Amino acid sequence: MASSRKPSRRKASAERPARSAPAPSVGALTELALDLRWSWNHSADQLWAQLEPELWARTHNPWVVLQTVSRAKVENFLHWLGLGSFVLGLVESFLYGVYAGLVYVPIHNFILRRCP
């Protein structure tokens, strides 16, 4: 006679290790280095300065930094730079836009009302 007991179910976390969010790829970093829009917007300067501070201080050229730094260092850096850093940067950018809107829009409107 077959047993009527159901097989025990293990928790999913016990069966599979928890996955962390994937780190950005080297290709994404290469795209960023070659993107000319960042030449006037210096938001990514901190990223390149953290990757290789001395070389960045001398050249201020992301492509040179990326080509000079070892592949292992780039991969370690990308592992460190994960989803949490991305979300933090996204929030900071949004809040900076809100701040600029709250400060500069009223000033702009005030000047437009005063000057015909």
C-alpha atoms as a PDB file:
ATOM      1  CA  MET A   1       0.000   0.000   0.000  1.00  0.00           C
ATOM      2  CA  ALA A   2       1.329   3.410  -0.968  1.00  0.00           C
ATOM      3  CA  SER A   3       2.084   5.940   1.712  1.00  0.00           C
ATOM      4  CA  SER A   4      -0.265   8.910   1.904  1.00  0.00           C
ATOM      5  CA  ARG A   5       2.437  11.205   3.214  1.00  0.00           C
ATOM      6  CA  LYS A   6       3.445  14.007   0.901  1.00  0.00           C
ATOM      7  CA  PRO A   7       7.133  14.484   0.306  1.00  0.00           C
ATOM      8  CA  SER A   8       8.558  17.300   2.405  1.00  0.00           C
ATOM      9  CA  ARG A   9       9.282  20.490   0.578  1.00  0.00           C
ATOM     10  CA  ARG A  10      12.510  22.229   1.295  1.00  0.00           C
ATOM     11  CA  LYS A  11      12.770  25.965   1.292  1.00  0.00           C
ATOM     12  CA  ALA A  12      13.885  27.449  -2.013  1.00  0.00           C
ATOM     13  CA  SER A  13      16.769  29.229  -0.294  1.00  0.00           C
ATOM     14  CA  ALA A  14      18.149  25.894   0.907  1.00  0.00           C
ATOM     15  CA  GLU A  15      18.088  24.430  -2.603  1.00  0.00           C
ATOM     16  CA  ARG A  16      19.518  27.356  -4.486  1.00  0.00           C
ATOM     17  CA  PRO A  17      22.018  29.924  -3.306  1.00  0.00           C
ATOM     18  CA  ALA A  18      20.757  33.495  -3.361  1.00  0.00           C
ATOM     19  CA  ARG A  19      21.877  35.373  -6.426  1.00  0.00           C
ATOM     20  CA  SER A  20      23.139  38.891  -6.246  1.00  0.00           C
ATOM     21  CA  ALA A  21      22.309  41.384  -8.963  1.00  0.00           C
ATOM     22  CA  PRO A  22      24.606  41.069 -11.972  1.00  0.00           C
ATOM     23  CA  ALA A  23      27.447  43.553 -12.112  1.00  0.00           C
ATOM     24  CA  PRO A  24      27.792  45.810 -15.145  1.00  0.00           C
ATOM     25  CA  SER A  25      29.814  44.314 -17.976  1.00  0.00           C
ATOM     26  CA  VAL A  26      33.156  45.426 -19.350  1.00  0.00           C
ATOM     27  CA  GLY A  27      31.306  46.224 -22.577  1.00  0.00           C
ATOM     28  CA  ALA A  28      29.096  48.723 -20.763  1.00  0.00           C
ATOM     29  CA  LEU A  29      32.184  50.388 -19.301  1.00  0.00           C
ATOM     30  CA  THR A  30      33.748  50.516 -22.774  1.00  0.00           C
ATOM     31  CA  GLU A  31      30.583  52.101 -24.164  1.00  0.00           C
ATOM     32  CA  LEU A  32      30.685  54.702 -21.427  1.00  0.00           C
ATOM     33  CA  ALA A  33      34.356  55.445 -22.112  1.00  0.00           C
ATOM     34  CA  LEU A  34      33.685  56.002 -25.825  1.00  0.00           C
ATOM     35  CA  ASP A  35      30.435  57.933 -25.400  1.00  0.00           C
ATOM     36  CA  LEU A  36      31.228  61.519 -26.360  1.00  0.00           C
ATOM     37  CA  ARG A  37      28.219  62.872 -24.462  1.00  0.00           C
ATOM     38  CA  TRP A  38      30.243  62.362 -21.274  1.00  0.00           C
ATOM     39  CA  SER A  39      32.954  64.722 -22.543  1.00  0.00           C
ATOM     40  CA  TRP A  40      30.881  67.744 -21.525  1.00  0.00           C
ATOM     41  CA  ASN A  41      28.986  66.085 -18.662  1.00  0.00           C
ATOM     42  CA  HIS A  42      31.464  65.207 -15.945  1.00  0.00           C
ATOM     43  CA  SER A  43      29.142  62.913 -13.972  1.00  0.00           C
ATOM     44  CA  ALA A  44      31.249  59.848 -14.732  1.00  0.00           C
ATOM     45  CA  ASP A  45      34.567  61.443 -13.760  1.00  0.00           C
ATOM     46  CA  GLN A  46      34.371  59.948 -10.270  1.00  0.00           C
ATOM     47  CA  LEU A  47      34.015  56.486 -11.773  1.00  0.00           C
ATOM     48  CA  TRP A  48      37.215  56.792 -13.800  1.00  0.00           C
ATOM     49  CA  ALA A  49      39.052  58.452 -10.919  1.00  0.00           C
ATOM     50  CA  GLN A  50      38.177  55.533  -8.633  1.00  0.00           C
ATOM     51  CA  LEU A  51      39.356  53.012 -11.198  1.00  0.00           C
ATOM     52  CA  GLU A  52      42.833  54.541 -11.602  1.00  0.00           C
ATOM     53  CA  PRO A  53      43.249  57.857  -9.722  1.00  0.00           C
ATOM     54  CA  GLU A  54      46.796  58.784 -10.793  1.00  0.00           C
ATOM     55  CA  LEU A  55      46.247  58.081 -14.484  1.00  0.00           C
ATOM     56  CA  TRP A  56      42.907  59.891 -14.432  1.00  0.00           C
ATOM     57  CA  ALA A  57      44.538  62.939 -12.805  1.00  0.00           C
ATOM     58  CA  ARG A  58      47.156  63.034 -15.574  1.00  0.00           C
ATOM     59  CA  THR A  59      44.986  62.346 -18.616  1.00  0.00           C
ATOM     60  CA  HIS A  60      41.277  62.881 -17.850  1.00  0.00           C
ATOM     61  CA  ASN A  61      40.725  60.412 -20.683  1.00  0.00           C
ATOM     62  CA  PRO A  62      38.400  57.484 -19.847  1.00  0.00           C
ATOM     63  CA  TRP A  63      39.519  55.454 -22.859  1.00  0.00           C
ATOM     64  CA  VAL A  64      43.180  55.676 -21.829  1.00  0.00           C
ATOM     65  CA  VAL A  65      42.260  54.662 -18.275  1.00  0.00           C
ATOM     66  CA  LEU A  66      40.244  51.691 -19.498  1.00  0.00           C
ATOM     67  CA  GLN A  67      42.975  50.551 -21.906  1.00  0.00           C
ATOM     68  CA  THR A  68      45.764  50.897 -19.324  1.00  0.00           C
ATOM     69  CA  VAL A  69      44.182  49.236 -16.295  1.00  0.00           C
ATOM     70  CA  SER A  70      44.499  45.449 -16.053  1.00  0.00           C
ATOM     71  CA  ARG A  71      41.486  43.325 -16.965  1.00  0.00           C
ATOM     72  CA  ALA A  72      41.428  41.810 -13.461  1.00  0.00           C
ATOM     73  CA  LYS A  73      41.279  45.261 -11.867  1.00  0.00           C
ATOM     74  CA  VAL A  74      38.419  46.262 -14.173  1.00  0.00           C
ATOM     75  CA  GLU A  75      36.488  43.090 -13.340  1.00  0.00           C
ATOM     76  CA  ASN A  76      37.033  43.595  -9.593  1.00  0.00           C
ATOM     77  CA  PHE A  77      35.885  47.184  -9.957  1.00  0.00           C
ATOM     78  CA  LEU A  78      32.770  46.106 -11.859  1.00  0.00           C
ATOM     79  CA  HIS A  79      31.982  43.518  -9.212  1.00  0.00           C
ATOM     80  CA  TRP A  80      32.204  46.264  -6.583  1.00  0.00           C
ATOM     81  CA  LEU A  81      30.055  48.523  -8.748  1.00  0.00           C
ATOM     82  CA  GLY A  82      26.723  46.716  -8.636  1.00  0.00           C
ATOM     83  CA  LEU A  83      23.016  47.386  -8.551  1.00  0.00           C
ATOM     84  CA  GLY A  84      23.203  49.212  -5.219  1.00  0.00           C
ATOM     85  CA  SER A  85      25.610  51.790  -6.623  1.00  0.00           C
ATOM     86  CA  PHE A  86      23.465  52.190  -9.720  1.00  0.00           C
ATOM     87  CA  VAL A  87      20.313  52.794  -7.695  1.00  0.00           C
ATOM     88  CA  LEU A  88      22.129  55.248  -5.433  1.00  0.00           C
ATOM     89  CA  GLY A  89      23.392  57.177  -8.454  1.00  0.00           C
ATOM     90  CA  LEU A  90      19.936  57.187  -9.972  1.00  0.00           C
ATOM     91  CA  VAL A  91      18.411  58.570  -6.771  1.00  0.00           C
ATOM     92  CA  GLU A  92      21.159  61.191  -6.443  1.00  0.00           C
ATOM     93  CA  SER A  93      20.619  62.328 -10.040  1.00  0.00           C
ATOM     94  CA  PHE A  94      16.872  62.553  -9.517  1.00  0.00           C
ATOM     95  CA  LEU A  95      17.254  64.520  -6.291  1.00  0.00           C
ATOM     96  CA  TYR A  96      19.739  66.881  -7.933  1.00  0.00           C
ATOM     97  CA  GLY A  97      17.169  67.552 -10.672  1.00  0.00           C
ATOM     98  CA  VAL A  98      14.495  68.209  -8.059  1.00  0.00           C
ATOM     99  CA  TYR A  99      16.878  70.542  -6.197  1.00  0.00           C
ATOM    100  CA  ALA A 100      17.708  72.441  -9.391  1.00  0.00           C
ATOM    101  CA  GLY A 101      14.029  72.737 -10.214  1.00  0.00           C
ATOM    102  CA  LEU A 102      13.130  74.002  -6.752  1.00  0.00           C
ATOM    103  CA  VAL A 103      15.927  76.564  -6.673  1.00  0.00           C
ATOM    104  CA  TYR A 104      16.372  77.796 -10.222  1.00  0.00           C
ATOM    105  CA  VAL A 105      12.848  77.741 -11.638  1.00  0.00           C
ATOM    106  CA  PRO A 106      11.472  80.306  -9.140  1.00  0.00           C
ATOM    107  CA  ILE A 107      14.521  82.522  -9.723  1.00  0.00           C
ATOM    108  CA  HIS A 108      14.039  82.230 -13.477  1.00  0.00           C
ATOM    109  CA  ASN A 109      10.325  83.052 -13.192  1.00  0.00           C
ATOM    110  CA  PHE A 110      11.077  86.014 -10.912  1.00  0.00           C
ATOM    111  CA  ILE A 111      13.556  87.438 -13.415  1.00  0.00           C
ATOM    112  CA  LEU A 112      11.134  86.944 -16.303  1.00  0.00           C
ATOM    113  CA  ARG A 113       8.406  88.834 -14.429  1.00  0.00           C
ATOM    114  CA  ARG A 114      10.757  91.735 -13.603  1.00  0.00           C
ATOM    115  CA  CYS A 115      12.312  92.088 -17.048  1.00  0.00           C
ATOM    116  CA  PRO A 116       9.957  92.679 -20.000  1.00  0.00           C
END
